[in-house]
Amino acid sequence: MNNERDKGLKERAQKTRIAAHKRVIKDGTVQFRLDAVNMERLLGLADEKRTGAGILARMWVLERLNKELGIVTQEAFAAKSLNERLMQLQTQIDALSKVMKNTITKQAKAS
């Protein structure tokens, strides 16, 4: 009986998580807090680069996300040889395929 209850709770949690993800994706907004020291550091760097703190944070998130997924930016891509470019493209295709497969699997489980 506990197994059925646990399974039901896990399914409800998964559905809630998927619904929350859909809302966040639709908004395109992520909020987070920083302590005073790190906020001061972020604002200082943003001032040095003559940009906003939000823009700088978004750039960093996108850079890290691309790195984690094996996606290479056009600047880095252009500096590589043709062979290296082909290998990087294959890595990107593999990473995107994995993300798509995971998304499809999650959606199927949620249905």
C-alpha atoms as a PDB file:
ATOM      1  CA  MET A   1       0.000   0.000   0.000  1.00  0.00           C
ATOM      2  CA  ASN A   2       2.856   2.392   0.765  1.00  0.00           C
ATOM      3  CA  ASN A   3       4.381   1.612  -2.635  1.00  0.00           C
ATOM      4  CA  GLU A   4       1.154   2.689  -4.353  1.00  0.00           C
ATOM      5  CA  ARG A   5       1.018   5.863  -2.274  1.00  0.00           C
ATOM      6  CA  ASP A   6       4.682   6.624  -3.010  1.00  0.00           C
ATOM      7  CA  LYS A   7       4.121   6.007  -6.709  1.00  0.00           C
ATOM      8  CA  GLY A   8       1.111   8.330  -6.698  1.00  0.00           C
ATOM      9  CA  LEU A   9       3.062  11.044  -4.904  1.00  0.00           C
ATOM     10  CA  LYS A  10       5.955  10.724  -7.359  1.00  0.00           C
ATOM     11  CA  GLU A  11       3.557  10.984 -10.317  1.00  0.00           C
ATOM     12  CA  ARG A  12       1.894  14.080  -8.834  1.00  0.00           C
ATOM     13  CA  ALA A  13       5.285  15.643  -8.158  1.00  0.00           C
ATOM     14  CA  GLN A  14       6.378  14.937 -11.740  1.00  0.00           C
ATOM     15  CA  LYS A  15       3.194  16.498 -13.160  1.00  0.00           C
ATOM     16  CA  THR A  16       3.656  19.547 -10.925  1.00  0.00           C
ATOM     17  CA  ARG A  17       7.287  19.876 -12.025  1.00  0.00           C
ATOM     18  CA  ILE A  18       6.320  19.655 -15.715  1.00  0.00           C
ATOM     19  CA  ALA A  19       3.586  22.275 -15.266  1.00  0.00           C
ATOM     20  CA  ALA A  20       6.026  24.570 -13.454  1.00  0.00           C
ATOM     21  CA  HIS A  21       8.602  24.123 -16.228  1.00  0.00           C
ATOM     22  CA  LYS A  22       5.993  25.035 -18.841  1.00  0.00           C
ATOM     23  CA  ARG A  23       5.135  28.249 -16.961  1.00  0.00           C
ATOM     24  CA  VAL A  24       8.799  29.213 -16.599  1.00  0.00           C
ATOM     25  CA  ILE A  25       9.498  28.452 -20.265  1.00  0.00           C
ATOM     26  CA  LYS A  26       6.528  30.584 -21.308  1.00  0.00           C
ATOM     27  CA  ASP A  27       7.699  33.501 -19.153  1.00  0.00           C
ATOM     28  CA  GLY A  28      11.361  33.102 -20.056  1.00  0.00           C
ATOM     29  CA  THR A  29      12.274  34.525 -16.667  1.00  0.00           C
ATOM     30  CA  VAL A  30      14.448  33.095 -13.924  1.00  0.00           C
ATOM     31  CA  GLN A  31      14.949  34.957 -10.666  1.00  0.00           C
ATOM     32  CA  PHE A  32      17.624  34.375  -8.092  1.00  0.00           C
ATOM     33  CA  ARG A  33      19.127  36.174  -5.137  1.00  0.00           C
ATOM     34  CA  LEU A  34      22.726  37.062  -4.402  1.00  0.00           C
ATOM     35  CA  ASP A  35      24.262  38.074  -1.124  1.00  0.00           C
ATOM     36  CA  ALA A  36      25.532  41.661  -0.838  1.00  0.00           C
ATOM     37  CA  VAL A  37      29.179  40.790  -1.531  1.00  0.00           C
ATOM     38  CA  ASN A  38      28.446  38.869  -4.731  1.00  0.00           C
ATOM     39  CA  MET A  39      25.886  41.441  -5.893  1.00  0.00           C
ATOM     40  CA  GLU A  40      28.512  44.145  -5.463  1.00  0.00           C
ATOM     41  CA  ARG A  41      31.001  42.068  -7.453  1.00  0.00           C
ATOM     42  CA  LEU A  42      28.467  41.474 -10.237  1.00  0.00           C
ATOM     43  CA  LEU A  43      27.532  45.159 -10.432  1.00  0.00           C
ATOM     44  CA  GLY A  44      31.219  46.138 -10.476  1.00  0.00           C
ATOM     45  CA  LEU A  45      31.979  43.795 -13.370  1.00  0.00           C
ATOM     46  CA  ALA A  46      28.890  44.951 -15.235  1.00  0.00           C
ATOM     47  CA  ASP A  47      30.003  48.575 -14.811  1.00  0.00           C
ATOM     48  CA  GLU A  48      33.489  47.713 -16.091  1.00  0.00           C
ATOM     49  CA  LYS A  49      31.957  46.079 -19.156  1.00  0.00           C
ATOM     50  CA  ARG A  50      29.467  48.955 -19.542  1.00  0.00           C
ATOM     51  CA  THR A  51      26.457  46.661 -19.486  1.00  0.00           C
ATOM     52  CA  GLY A  52      23.677  45.739 -17.090  1.00  0.00           C
ATOM     53  CA  ALA A  53      24.070  43.132 -14.387  1.00  0.00           C
ATOM     54  CA  GLY A  54      21.137  41.130 -15.784  1.00  0.00           C
ATOM     55  CA  ILE A  55      22.633  41.090 -19.264  1.00  0.00           C
ATOM     56  CA  LEU A  56      25.993  39.948 -17.888  1.00  0.00           C
ATOM     57  CA  ALA A  57      24.371  37.210 -15.784  1.00  0.00           C
ATOM     58  CA  ARG A  58      22.316  36.041 -18.787  1.00  0.00           C
ATOM     59  CA  MET A  59      25.469  35.878 -20.951  1.00  0.00           C
ATOM     60  CA  TRP A  60      27.194  33.756 -18.317  1.00  0.00           C
ATOM     61  CA  VAL A  61      24.225  31.406 -17.983  1.00  0.00           C
ATOM     62  CA  LEU A  62      24.034  30.946 -21.761  1.00  0.00           C
ATOM     63  CA  GLU A  63      27.790  30.356 -22.018  1.00  0.00           C
ATOM     64  CA  ARG A  64      27.656  27.740 -19.282  1.00  0.00           C
ATOM     65  CA  LEU A  65      24.540  26.116 -20.692  1.00  0.00           C
ATOM     66  CA  ASN A  66      26.171  25.838 -24.113  1.00  0.00           C
ATOM     67  CA  LYS A  67      29.313  24.401 -22.524  1.00  0.00           C
ATOM     68  CA  GLU A  68      27.335  21.820 -20.522  1.00  0.00           C
ATOM     69  CA  LEU A  69      25.420  20.762 -23.646  1.00  0.00           C
ATOM     70  CA  GLY A  70      28.509  20.744 -25.848  1.00  0.00           C
ATOM     71  CA  ILE A  71      27.226  23.607 -28.003  1.00  0.00           C
ATOM     72  CA  VAL A  72      29.928  25.820 -29.482  1.00  0.00           C
ATOM     73  CA  THR A  73      29.429  29.534 -30.193  1.00  0.00           C
ATOM     74  CA  GLN A  74      30.017  30.904 -33.686  1.00  0.00           C
ATOM     75  CA  GLU A  75      33.110  32.837 -32.576  1.00  0.00           C
ATOM     76  CA  ALA A  76      34.799  29.745 -31.202  1.00  0.00           C
ATOM     77  CA  PHE A  77      33.543  27.675 -34.118  1.00  0.00           C
ATOM     78  CA  ALA A  78      35.009  30.020 -36.743  1.00  0.00           C
ATOM     79  CA  ALA A  79      38.501  29.689 -35.245  1.00  0.00           C
ATOM     80  CA  LYS A  80      38.590  25.903 -35.738  1.00  0.00           C
ATOM     81  CA  SER A  81      39.720  23.800 -38.673  1.00  0.00           C
ATOM     82  CA  LEU A  82      37.133  22.113 -40.883  1.00  0.00           C
ATOM     83  CA  ASN A  83      37.728  18.736 -39.228  1.00  0.00           C
ATOM     84  CA  GLU A  84      37.349  20.227 -35.755  1.00  0.00           C
ATOM     85  CA  ARG A  85      34.167  21.990 -36.879  1.00  0.00           C
ATOM     86  CA  LEU A  86      32.674  18.727 -38.136  1.00  0.00           C
ATOM     87  CA  MET A  87      33.480  16.982 -34.854  1.00  0.00           C
ATOM     88  CA  GLN A  88      31.946  19.850 -32.885  1.00  0.00           C
ATOM     89  CA  LEU A  89      28.824  19.809 -35.035  1.00  0.00           C
ATOM     90  CA  GLN A  90      28.438  16.091 -34.368  1.00  0.00           C
ATOM     91  CA  THR A  91      28.818  16.736 -30.634  1.00  0.00           C
ATOM     92  CA  GLN A  92      26.133  19.426 -30.826  1.00  0.00           C
ATOM     93  CA  ILE A  93      23.790  17.143 -32.748  1.00  0.00           C
ATOM     94  CA  ASP A  94      24.319  14.380 -30.193  1.00  0.00           C
ATOM     95  CA  ALA A  95      23.710  16.764 -27.274  1.00  0.00           C
ATOM     96  CA  LEU A  96      20.552  18.201 -28.826  1.00  0.00           C
ATOM     97  CA  SER A  97      19.271  14.735 -29.682  1.00  0.00           C
ATOM     98  CA  LYS A  98      19.754  13.705 -26.060  1.00  0.00           C
ATOM     99  CA  VAL A  99      17.859  16.775 -24.824  1.00  0.00           C
ATOM    100  CA  MET A 100      15.014  16.124 -27.271  1.00  0.00           C
ATOM    101  CA  LYS A 101      14.839  12.454 -26.312  1.00  0.00           C
ATOM    102  CA  ASN A 102      14.704  13.344 -22.594  1.00  0.00           C
ATOM    103  CA  THR A 103      11.990  15.924 -23.230  1.00  0.00           C
ATOM    104  CA  ILE A 104       9.894  13.471 -25.239  1.00  0.00           C
ATOM    105  CA  THR A 105      10.336  10.807 -22.561  1.00  0.00           C
ATOM    106  CA  LYS A 106       9.264  13.226 -19.809  1.00  0.00           C
ATOM    107  CA  GLN A 107       6.235  14.320 -21.802  1.00  0.00           C
ATOM    108  CA  ALA A 108       5.246  10.720 -22.476  1.00  0.00           C
ATOM    109  CA  LYS A 109       5.501   9.858 -18.782  1.00  0.00           C
ATOM    110  CA  ALA A 110       3.423  12.908 -17.872  1.00  0.00           C
ATOM    111  CA  SER A 111       0.593  11.871 -20.206  1.00  0.00           C
END
